[in-house]
Amino acid sequence: MVMNHEIIIFSPIFAVLMGFIVLTIFKKRKRSAKSIYKLIDDLEKKYIY
């Protein structure tokens, strides 16, 4: 039985890379949502109160 060593070596590296990409996407979404809520709050204070 012959094992493909490239798959064994690159699978964990690929999984870690995909994990970092997903985490950065979630952080950017959270940051942008937070800034949008702050913008809405500032506009409400400016024009309503």
Protein backbone atom coordinates (compact mmCIF):
# COMPACT_ATOMS: atom_id res chain seq x y z
CA MET A 1 0.00 0.00 0.00
CA VAL A 2 1.54 3.27 -1.15
CA MET A 3 0.63 6.45 0.76
CA ASN A 4 0.70 9.81 -0.93
CA HIS A 5 3.03 11.89 1.24
CA GLU A 6 2.04 15.20 -0.37
CA ILE A 7 -1.53 14.78 0.83
CA ILE A 8 -0.36 13.89 4.34
CA ILE A 9 1.90 16.96 4.52
CA PHE A 10 -0.32 19.56 2.85
CA SER A 11 -3.72 18.63 4.36
CA PRO A 12 -3.06 20.13 7.82
CA ILE A 13 -1.43 23.20 6.27
CA PHE A 14 -4.44 23.71 4.00
CA ALA A 15 -6.86 23.24 6.92
CA VAL A 16 -5.03 25.82 9.05
CA LEU A 17 -4.95 28.27 6.14
CA MET A 18 -8.71 27.89 5.57
CA GLY A 19 -9.28 28.41 9.31
CA PHE A 20 -7.37 31.70 9.27
CA ILE A 21 -9.31 32.88 6.20
CA VAL A 22 -12.66 32.10 7.85
CA LEU A 23 -11.64 33.84 11.09
CA THR A 24 -10.53 36.98 9.26
CA ILE A 25 -13.82 37.10 7.35
CA PHE A 26 -15.80 36.82 10.61
CA LYS A 27 -13.70 39.53 12.25
CA LYS A 28 -14.22 41.89 9.32
CA ARG A 29 -17.97 41.28 9.40
CA LYS A 30 -18.15 41.90 13.13
CA ARG A 31 -16.10 45.07 12.83
CA SER A 32 -18.15 46.44 9.94
CA ALA A 33 -21.44 45.67 11.73
CA LYS A 34 -20.16 47.43 14.83
CA SER A 35 -19.18 50.50 12.81
CA ILE A 36 -22.58 50.53 11.07
CA TYR A 37 -24.39 50.45 14.43
CA LYS A 38 -22.18 53.28 15.68
CA LEU A 39 -22.94 55.31 12.55
CA ILE A 40 -26.69 54.79 12.98
CA ASP A 41 -26.44 55.74 16.66
CA ASP A 42 -24.51 58.92 15.83
CA LEU A 43 -27.05 59.89 13.16
CA GLU A 44 -29.94 59.33 15.58
CA LYS A 45 -28.27 61.55 18.18
CA LYS A 46 -27.58 64.23 15.59
CA TYR A 47 -31.00 64.42 13.92
CA ILE A 48 -33.51 63.13 16.50
CA TYR A 49 -32.33 64.57 19.82
